Protein backbone atom coordinates (compact mmCIF):
# COMPACT_ATOMS: atom_id res chain seq x y z
CA UNK A 1 0.01 -0.05 0.16
CA UNK A 2 1.01 3.82 -0.20
CA UNK A 3 0.83 6.00 2.75
CA UNK A 4 0.87 9.57 2.74
CA UNK A 5 2.77 12.11 4.79
CA UNK A 6 6.43 13.08 4.80
CA UNK A 7 7.57 9.93 3.98
CA UNK A 8 5.12 8.12 1.12
CA UNK A 9 6.10 4.61 0.77
CA UNK A 10 4.80 1.86 -1.55
CA UNK A 11 4.90 -1.67 -0.40
CA UNK A 12 5.06 -4.89 -2.58
CA UNK A 13 4.58 -8.27 -1.35
CA UNK A 14 5.25 -11.23 -3.77
CA UNK A 15 4.51 -15.04 -2.97
CA UNK A 16 6.00 -18.11 -4.89
CA UNK A 17 6.05 -21.80 -4.16
CA UNK A 18 9.32 -23.18 -3.17
CA UNK A 19 10.15 -27.14 -4.45
CA UNK A 20 9.65 -28.57 -0.80
CA UNK A 21 6.19 -27.20 -0.56
CA UNK A 22 6.69 -24.05 1.25
CA UNK A 23 6.05 -20.59 0.20
CA UNK A 24 8.61 -17.74 -0.43
CA UNK A 25 7.48 -14.37 0.56
CA UNK A 26 9.45 -11.40 -1.22
CA UNK A 27 8.88 -7.91 0.19
CA UNK A 28 10.38 -4.62 -1.50
CA UNK A 29 9.61 -0.98 -0.17
CA UNK A 30 10.00 1.94 -2.09
CA UNK A 31 9.48 5.63 -1.18
CA UNK A 32 11.37 9.01 -1.17
CA UNK A 33 11.21 11.11 2.06
CA UNK A 34 10.84 14.70 2.26
CA UNK A 35 11.35 17.57 4.10
CA UNK A 36 12.19 16.69 7.82
CA UNK A 37 12.06 12.95 7.12
CA UNK A 38 14.83 13.42 5.15
CA UNK A 39 16.76 13.90 8.08
CA UNK A 40 15.63 10.77 9.88
CA UNK A 41 15.82 8.32 6.76
CA UNK A 42 18.19 6.16 8.23
CA UNK A 43 16.17 5.84 11.54
CA UNK A 44 13.31 5.46 9.91
CA UNK A 45 14.88 2.83 7.63
CA UNK A 46 15.51 0.72 10.89
CA UNK A 47 12.03 1.49 11.79
CA UNK A 48 10.43 0.50 8.59
CA UNK A 49 12.61 -2.99 8.42
CA UNK A 50 11.42 -3.68 12.17
CA UNK A 51 7.58 -3.39 11.02
CA UNK A 52 8.34 -5.31 8.05
CA UNK A 53 9.73 -8.16 10.08
CA UNK A 54 6.96 -8.06 12.71
CA UNK A 55 4.45 -8.08 9.66
CA UNK A 56 5.76 -11.18 7.97
CA UNK A 57 6.17 -13.22 11.64
CA UNK A 58 2.37 -12.23 11.65
CA UNK A 59 1.57 -13.29 8.20
CA UNK A 60 3.61 -16.60 8.82
CA UNK A 61 1.43 -17.23 12.02
CA UNK A 62 -1.81 -16.79 10.36
CA UNK A 63 -0.83 -18.82 7.48
CA UNK A 64 0.40 -21.47 9.76
CA UNK A 65 -2.63 -21.64 11.79
CA UNK A 66 -1.18 -20.71 15.08
């Protein structure tokens, strides 16, 4: 999705079957900070990475029925 504000970002997830019957999930973020957010870009990158990891862990739990 895309979020508006000082750091507009597009997140794309891809899913593909693996040979052993699993699913490989790909994740790509695109965005360009502006204004004050530009100064905080490295901090925001770490926060986004942490949130992406949390999202993927929740998705894994849902898909595995835990």
